[in-house]
Amino acid sequence: MNLLYIGTSGYYFSDWIGTVYPEGLSKTHLLKYYATVWNFNAVELNFTYYTIPNYKTIVSMLRKTPQTFVFSVKLPNSVTHQGWKTLSLPEQDIEKTLSALEPMICEGRLKVLLAQFPYAFRYTKENMQYIQELRGKIDLPIAIEFRHCSWDNDQVYDFLRTHELSFVITDEPRIKDLFPYRVIRTSSISYFRYHGRNEKWFVSGAERYNYEYSFEQLREFAKDIVDIAKESEDLFVFFNNCYRGKAVQNALTLHSILENTFLGR
């Protein structure tokens, strides 16, 4: 394994103030606090799903973090949640996103793009073709997350390997038809996302991510991470159970488990 990156899916939520960030900390200082006080070495940017970033914002984020700090960037919802419905890639949004990310790319700090597809995105030949076309438009590492269990088959994993796409290993509630937890590597990059196991998954709002993993659960995850790390060049671990900062606490605890119990061997 080259490097292990651990962090959270996003770094600012209003309910993190007073729970994991101190009261009164300016929004402009949050990312620096995230990187230097909590000492995370990566973040998964998710605001890019809602709004195409601008060049100035990206440069500012680079200057607020150490040179060793890296980013995963979520692709816009027009790519993952809209375009496939008409089998038409929003090429302009892709181009705008990549143009804004150019400073991050040039510094070698954009490590991977995240394409998180929705539950409604099912396994079909047409949707496979859509992913293949997306791959053809982006000459950067891409991690693919599926939410529907129909994608859990060997043909899909072989397809991802063929097109050098990273399979996102997800942990989420054990609910019928949601994608199960599968520790599978399809490229040199391994990518874990922990969403929590709140069974109120199909509700709107933050309640979906109101879940805190136990120490025992995190220790089991650590074993899987160590096993797959042996064959990975880079390995990313992001917690998305962001309700009231639970993602931060779980990420810090997992890092401690890995450092003290497994990686120290």
Protein backbone atom coordinates (compact mmCIF):
# COMPACT_ATOMS: atom_id res chain seq x y z
CA MET A 1 0.00 0.00 0.00
CA ASN A 2 1.26 3.47 -0.85
CA LEU A 3 -0.87 5.67 1.42
CA LEU A 4 -3.91 5.39 3.66
CA TYR A 5 -6.26 8.38 3.60
CA ILE A 6 -8.94 8.76 6.27
CA GLY A 7 -11.48 11.53 6.62
CA THR A 8 -15.15 12.46 6.36
CA SER A 9 -17.63 13.10 3.57
CA GLY A 10 -17.69 16.87 3.80
CA TYR A 11 -16.11 19.01 6.49
CA TYR A 12 -18.81 21.56 7.30
CA PHE A 13 -22.31 20.97 8.64
CA SER A 14 -24.19 23.39 10.86
CA ASP A 15 -24.65 20.79 13.60
CA TRP A 16 -20.89 20.26 13.80
CA ILE A 17 -20.46 23.69 15.39
CA GLY A 18 -20.36 23.17 19.12
CA THR A 19 -20.10 19.40 18.75
CA VAL A 20 -16.85 18.81 16.90
CA TYR A 21 -15.86 22.38 15.99
CA PRO A 22 -15.58 24.97 18.78
CA GLU A 23 -18.24 27.64 19.00
CA GLY A 24 -17.24 30.85 17.28
CA LEU A 25 -14.82 29.29 14.81
CA SER A 26 -15.11 31.17 11.51
CA LYS A 27 -16.32 29.21 8.48
CA THR A 28 -13.19 30.29 6.65
CA HIS A 29 -11.06 28.42 9.21
CA LEU A 30 -12.98 25.13 9.29
CA LEU A 31 -10.98 23.28 6.64
CA LYS A 32 -7.68 24.31 8.21
CA TYR A 33 -8.97 23.11 11.60
CA TYR A 34 -10.08 19.84 10.01
CA ALA A 35 -6.63 19.24 8.50
CA THR A 36 -4.36 20.51 11.27
CA VAL A 37 -6.20 20.01 14.56
CA TRP A 38 -7.92 16.72 13.80
CA ASN A 39 -4.97 15.87 11.56
CA PHE A 40 -7.00 14.28 8.79
CA ASN A 41 -5.03 13.85 5.56
CA ALA A 42 -8.00 13.81 3.16
CA VAL A 43 -11.55 15.03 2.71
CA GLU A 44 -14.33 14.03 0.38
CA LEU A 45 -15.83 17.21 -1.05
CA ASN A 46 -19.58 16.83 -1.47
CA PHE A 47 -20.68 20.43 -2.10
CA THR A 48 -19.58 19.79 -5.69
CA TYR A 49 -22.60 17.49 -6.06
CA TYR A 50 -24.92 20.45 -5.58
CA THR A 51 -22.88 23.29 -7.09
CA ILE A 52 -20.15 23.24 -9.69
CA PRO A 53 -17.08 24.65 -7.91
CA ASN A 54 -15.25 27.72 -9.06
CA TYR A 55 -11.52 28.10 -9.59
CA LYS A 56 -11.07 30.63 -6.79
CA THR A 57 -12.71 28.38 -4.20
CA ILE A 58 -10.47 25.46 -5.13
CA VAL A 59 -7.32 27.58 -4.88
CA SER A 60 -8.43 28.81 -1.45
CA MET A 61 -8.91 25.25 -0.22
CA LEU A 62 -5.46 24.27 -1.40
CA ARG A 63 -3.87 27.18 0.44
CA LYS A 64 -5.65 26.34 3.70
CA THR A 65 -4.32 22.78 3.82
CA PRO A 66 -0.86 21.17 3.92
CA GLN A 67 0.71 19.99 0.68
CA THR A 68 0.28 16.42 1.86
CA PHE A 69 -3.48 16.85 2.24
CA VAL A 70 -5.54 15.39 -0.63
CA PHE A 71 -9.08 15.51 -1.96
CA SER A 72 -11.78 13.27 -3.34
CA VAL A 73 -14.38 15.26 -5.26
CA LYS A 74 -17.97 14.18 -5.81
CA LEU A 75 -19.26 14.60 -9.35
CA PRO A 76 -22.31 16.84 -9.94
CA ASN A 77 -25.81 15.42 -9.58
CA SER A 78 -26.41 16.24 -13.25
CA VAL A 79 -23.89 13.47 -14.02
CA THR A 80 -24.94 10.80 -11.54
CA HIS A 81 -28.60 11.51 -10.86
CA GLN A 82 -29.94 13.10 -14.03
CA GLY A 83 -27.97 12.31 -17.17
CA TRP A 84 -28.47 8.55 -17.12
CA LYS A 85 -32.24 8.97 -17.25
CA THR A 86 -31.94 10.21 -20.82
CA LEU A 87 -28.63 8.42 -21.48
CA SER A 88 -27.08 11.80 -22.18
CA LEU A 89 -23.91 12.86 -20.38
CA PRO A 90 -23.94 16.53 -19.30
CA GLU A 91 -20.58 17.16 -20.95
CA GLN A 92 -20.62 20.88 -20.22
CA ASP A 93 -20.96 20.29 -16.46
CA ILE A 94 -18.13 17.76 -16.58
CA GLU A 95 -15.90 20.23 -18.43
CA LYS A 96 -16.72 23.07 -16.02
CA THR A 97 -16.00 20.86 -13.01
CA LEU A 98 -12.65 19.67 -14.35
CA SER A 99 -11.68 23.22 -15.33
CA ALA A 100 -12.36 24.50 -11.80
CA LEU A 101 -10.38 21.59 -10.34
CA GLU A 102 -7.34 22.29 -12.50
CA PRO A 103 -5.24 23.79 -9.64
CA MET A 104 -5.94 20.71 -7.53
CA ILE A 105 -5.02 18.44 -10.43
CA CYS A 106 -1.81 20.35 -11.14
CA GLU A 107 -0.66 20.03 -7.52
CA GLY A 108 -1.39 16.29 -7.55
CA ARG A 109 -3.86 16.69 -4.72
CA LEU A 110 -7.02 15.61 -6.51
CA LYS A 111 -6.69 11.87 -6.02
CA VAL A 112 -10.06 10.58 -7.20
CA LEU A 113 -13.50 11.64 -8.42
CA LEU A 114 -16.52 10.05 -6.78
CA ALA A 115 -19.51 9.06 -8.91
CA GLN A 116 -22.26 8.12 -6.45
CA PHE A 117 -25.25 6.76 -8.34
CA PRO A 118 -28.72 6.67 -6.72
CA TYR A 119 -30.88 3.76 -5.64
CA ALA A 120 -33.01 4.22 -8.79
CA PHE A 121 -29.97 3.55 -10.99
CA ARG A 122 -30.31 -0.17 -11.73
CA TYR A 123 -28.10 -2.66 -13.50
CA THR A 124 -28.91 -2.51 -17.24
CA LYS A 125 -26.85 -2.60 -20.43
CA GLU A 126 -27.80 1.02 -21.07
CA ASN A 127 -26.59 2.14 -17.66
CA MET A 128 -23.37 0.19 -18.06
CA GLN A 129 -22.84 2.03 -21.33
CA TYR A 130 -23.48 5.34 -19.56
CA ILE A 131 -20.71 4.59 -17.07
CA GLN A 132 -18.39 3.59 -19.90
CA GLU A 133 -19.06 6.90 -21.67
CA LEU A 134 -18.35 8.76 -18.42
CA ARG A 135 -15.04 6.93 -18.16
CA GLY A 136 -14.20 8.02 -21.70
CA LYS A 137 -14.74 11.70 -20.84
CA ILE A 138 -12.54 11.81 -17.75
CA ASP A 139 -8.86 10.89 -17.72
CA LEU A 140 -8.61 10.80 -13.93
CA PRO A 141 -9.25 8.09 -11.32
CA ILE A 142 -12.98 7.56 -10.76
CA ALA A 143 -14.64 5.65 -7.93
CA ILE A 144 -18.12 4.28 -8.60
CA GLU A 145 -20.69 3.85 -5.82
CA PHE A 146 -23.84 1.83 -6.38
CA ARG A 147 -26.87 1.95 -4.10
CA HIS A 148 -29.05 -0.78 -5.66
CA CYS A 149 -28.18 -4.42 -5.13
CA SER A 150 -28.71 -5.33 -8.81
CA TRP A 151 -25.13 -4.17 -9.42
CA ASP A 152 -23.75 -6.82 -7.10
CA ASN A 153 -22.57 -9.35 -9.69
CA ASP A 154 -19.33 -10.55 -11.25
CA GLN A 155 -20.06 -8.97 -14.63
CA VAL A 156 -20.09 -5.53 -13.00
CA TYR A 157 -16.86 -6.10 -11.08
CA ASP A 158 -15.14 -7.35 -14.25
CA PHE A 159 -16.47 -4.29 -16.11
CA LEU A 160 -15.00 -1.96 -13.49
CA ARG A 161 -11.63 -3.69 -13.68
CA THR A 162 -11.60 -3.52 -17.48
CA HIS A 163 -12.23 0.24 -17.43
CA GLU A 164 -9.97 0.97 -14.45
CA LEU A 165 -12.79 2.16 -12.25
CA SER A 166 -12.64 1.81 -8.48
CA PHE A 167 -15.51 0.03 -6.75
CA VAL A 168 -16.71 1.92 -3.67
CA ILE A 169 -17.08 -0.42 -0.71
CA THR A 170 -20.11 0.83 1.19
CA ASP A 171 -21.55 0.07 4.58
CA GLU A 172 -25.19 1.07 4.95
CA PRO A 173 -28.33 -0.38 6.55
CA ARG A 174 -29.14 -4.03 5.92
CA ILE A 175 -32.33 -3.17 4.06
CA LYS A 176 -33.76 -5.20 1.18
CA ASP A 177 -32.37 -4.14 -2.22
CA LEU A 178 -29.75 -1.75 -0.81
CA PHE A 179 -26.23 -2.62 -1.94
CA PRO A 180 -24.57 -5.04 0.50
CA TYR A 181 -21.18 -4.67 2.13
CA ARG A 182 -18.64 -6.21 -0.26
CA VAL A 183 -14.88 -5.89 0.21
CA ILE A 184 -13.76 -6.01 -3.42
CA ARG A 185 -10.93 -4.26 -5.24
CA THR A 186 -11.29 -3.41 -8.93
CA SER A 187 -8.37 -0.99 -9.43
CA SER A 188 -5.19 0.15 -7.73
CA ILE A 189 -7.33 2.48 -5.57
CA SER A 190 -9.53 1.04 -2.82
CA TYR A 191 -12.32 3.21 -1.49
CA PHE A 192 -14.51 2.71 1.61
CA ARG A 193 -17.58 4.82 2.48
CA TYR A 194 -19.36 4.32 5.80
CA HIS A 195 -22.91 5.68 5.79
CA GLY A 196 -24.13 4.22 9.09
CA ARG A 197 -26.89 1.69 9.63
CA ASN A 198 -29.89 3.82 10.49
CA GLU A 199 -32.90 1.88 9.23
CA LYS A 200 -34.70 5.17 8.52
CA TRP A 201 -32.74 5.22 5.28
CA PHE A 202 -35.57 6.17 2.96
CA VAL A 203 -36.39 9.41 4.74
CA SER A 204 -35.27 12.88 3.74
CA GLY A 205 -32.92 15.02 5.72
CA ALA A 206 -30.01 14.32 8.04
CA GLU A 207 -31.78 11.57 9.99
CA ARG A 208 -30.58 9.01 7.43
CA TYR A 209 -27.03 9.52 8.68
CA ASN A 210 -27.84 9.57 12.40
CA TYR A 211 -25.78 6.55 13.41
CA GLU A 212 -22.59 6.02 15.36
CA TYR A 213 -20.49 2.89 14.81
CA SER A 214 -19.37 1.00 17.90
CA PHE A 215 -15.73 0.29 18.68
CA GLU A 216 -16.32 -3.38 17.87
CA GLN A 217 -17.78 -2.54 14.46
CA LEU A 218 -14.87 -0.23 13.68
CA ARG A 219 -12.42 -2.93 14.67
CA GLU A 220 -14.04 -5.33 12.19
CA PHE A 221 -13.80 -2.69 9.48
CA ALA A 222 -10.13 -2.21 10.34
CA LYS A 223 -9.45 -5.88 9.59
CA ASP A 224 -11.01 -5.53 6.13
CA ILE A 225 -9.05 -2.35 5.45
CA VAL A 226 -5.76 -3.99 6.38
CA ASP A 227 -6.51 -7.03 4.21
CA ILE A 228 -7.35 -5.04 1.07
CA ALA A 229 -4.55 -2.56 1.71
CA LYS A 230 -2.00 -5.25 0.89
CA GLU A 231 -2.98 -5.06 -2.78
CA SER A 232 -3.83 -1.34 -3.03
CA GLU A 233 -1.62 1.54 -4.07
CA ASP A 234 -3.87 4.11 -2.37
CA LEU A 235 -6.71 3.45 0.04
CA PHE A 236 -9.44 5.92 0.99
CA VAL A 237 -11.76 5.69 3.99
CA PHE A 238 -14.52 8.26 4.42
CA PHE A 239 -17.31 8.40 6.99
CA ASN A 240 -20.62 9.82 5.81
CA ASN A 241 -22.58 9.36 9.07
CA CYS A 242 -22.29 13.11 9.49
CA TYR A 243 -25.18 13.76 11.90
CA ARG A 244 -23.84 15.90 14.78
CA GLY A 245 -20.25 15.06 13.91
CA LYS A 246 -20.46 11.31 14.44
CA ALA A 247 -18.40 10.83 11.29
CA VAL A 248 -15.50 12.74 12.84
CA GLN A 249 -15.47 10.67 16.01
CA ASN A 250 -15.70 7.39 14.10
CA ALA A 251 -12.95 8.40 11.68
CA LEU A 252 -10.61 9.38 14.51
CA THR A 253 -11.32 6.16 16.38
CA LEU A 254 -10.76 4.00 13.30
CA HIS A 255 -7.49 5.76 12.63
CA SER A 256 -6.39 5.03 16.18
CA ILE A 257 -7.36 1.36 15.87
CA LEU A 258 -5.42 0.99 12.63
CA GLU A 259 -2.39 2.83 13.94
CA ASN A 260 -2.17 1.11 17.30
CA THR A 261 -3.47 -2.37 16.57
CA PHE A 262 -2.81 -3.26 12.96
CA LEU A 263 -0.43 -0.92 11.15
CA GLY A 264 1.97 -0.93 14.06
CA ARG A 265 2.71 -4.61 13.63
